[in-house]
Protein backbone atom coordinates (compact mmCIF):
# COMPACT_ATOMS: atom_id res chain seq x y z
CA UNK A 1 58.73 93.72 90.15
CA UNK A 2 61.76 91.46 89.21
CA UNK A 3 63.63 94.57 87.86
CA UNK A 4 63.22 96.48 91.09
CA UNK A 5 64.57 93.57 93.10
CA UNK A 6 67.53 93.13 90.84
CA UNK A 7 68.18 96.90 91.03
CA UNK A 8 68.11 96.63 95.04
CA UNK A 9 70.59 93.61 94.72
CA UNK A 10 72.91 95.58 92.61
CA UNK A 11 72.75 98.61 94.97
CA UNK A 12 73.60 96.35 97.86
CA UNK A 13 76.47 94.79 96.02
CA UNK A 14 77.76 98.04 95.05
CA UNK A 15 77.57 99.26 98.66
CA UNK A 16 79.28 96.37 100.01
CA UNK A 17 82.05 96.74 97.44
CA UNK A 18 82.41 100.35 98.41
CA UNK A 19 82.57 99.64 102.13
CA UNK A 20 85.38 97.10 101.46
CA UNK A 21 87.33 99.40 99.41
CA UNK A 22 87.05 102.20 101.96
CA UNK A 23 88.09 99.98 104.71
CA UNK A 24 91.14 98.40 102.87
CA UNK A 25 92.40 101.63 101.29
CA UNK A 26 91.25 104.32 103.71
CA UNK A 27 94.24 103.82 106.00
CA UNK A 28 96.68 104.45 103.26
CA UNK A 29 96.38 108.24 103.64
CA UNK A 30 96.90 108.13 107.50
CA UNK A 31 100.71 108.56 107.47
CA UNK A 32 100.71 111.70 105.19
CA UNK A 33 97.72 113.00 106.96
CA UNK A 34 99.51 112.78 110.33
CA UNK A 35 102.58 114.35 108.76
CA UNK A 36 100.52 117.21 107.43
CA UNK A 37 98.83 117.84 110.71
CA UNK A 38 102.37 117.83 112.44
CA UNK A 39 103.74 120.37 109.93
CA UNK A 40 100.72 122.70 110.03
CA UNK A 41 99.74 122.76 113.64
CA UNK A 42 101.85 124.47 116.13
CA UNK A 43 103.29 122.16 118.92
CA UNK A 44 101.09 123.85 121.55
CA UNK A 45 97.91 122.97 119.53
CA UNK A 46 98.90 119.59 117.93
CA UNK A 47 96.78 117.47 120.38
CA UNK A 48 93.77 119.56 119.63
CA UNK A 49 94.40 119.25 115.88
CA UNK A 50 94.79 115.44 116.07
CA UNK A 51 91.64 115.26 118.03
CA UNK A 52 89.67 117.37 115.54
CA UNK A 53 90.92 115.09 112.81
CA UNK A 54 89.63 111.99 114.68
CA UNK A 55 86.42 113.59 115.36
CA UNK A 56 86.06 114.44 111.61
CA UNK A 57 86.75 110.86 110.86
CA UNK A 58 84.42 109.31 113.28
CA UNK A 59 81.54 111.66 112.12
CA UNK A 60 82.21 110.59 108.56
CA UNK A 61 81.84 106.89 109.54
CA UNK A 62 78.69 107.66 111.55
CA UNK A 63 77.14 109.81 108.87
CA UNK A 64 78.07 107.37 106.20
CA UNK A 65 76.09 104.69 107.93
CA UNK A 66 73.18 106.90 108.14
CA UNK A 67 73.33 107.92 104.54
CA UNK A 68 73.77 104.31 103.45
CA UNK A 69 70.60 103.40 105.25
CA UNK A 70 68.82 106.34 103.52
CA UNK A 71 69.98 105.35 100.15
CA UNK A 72 69.00 101.78 100.56
CA UNK A 73 65.44 102.48 101.58
């Protein structure tokens, strides 16, 4: 029983460290990502491309929270 509790605590600590790392380093890629979207998307579809990128980011955050809940239970 104690080993299972320690394993759960280790999982929670790793999850917390992962979230902190993702939040602190995740924005480092944003300038280059915006530049890539600007280079790839034609001017007439740039707004749509930026919108799709933002939707993908938000879905990733929402899905990550759900998966984290599944993994912790």
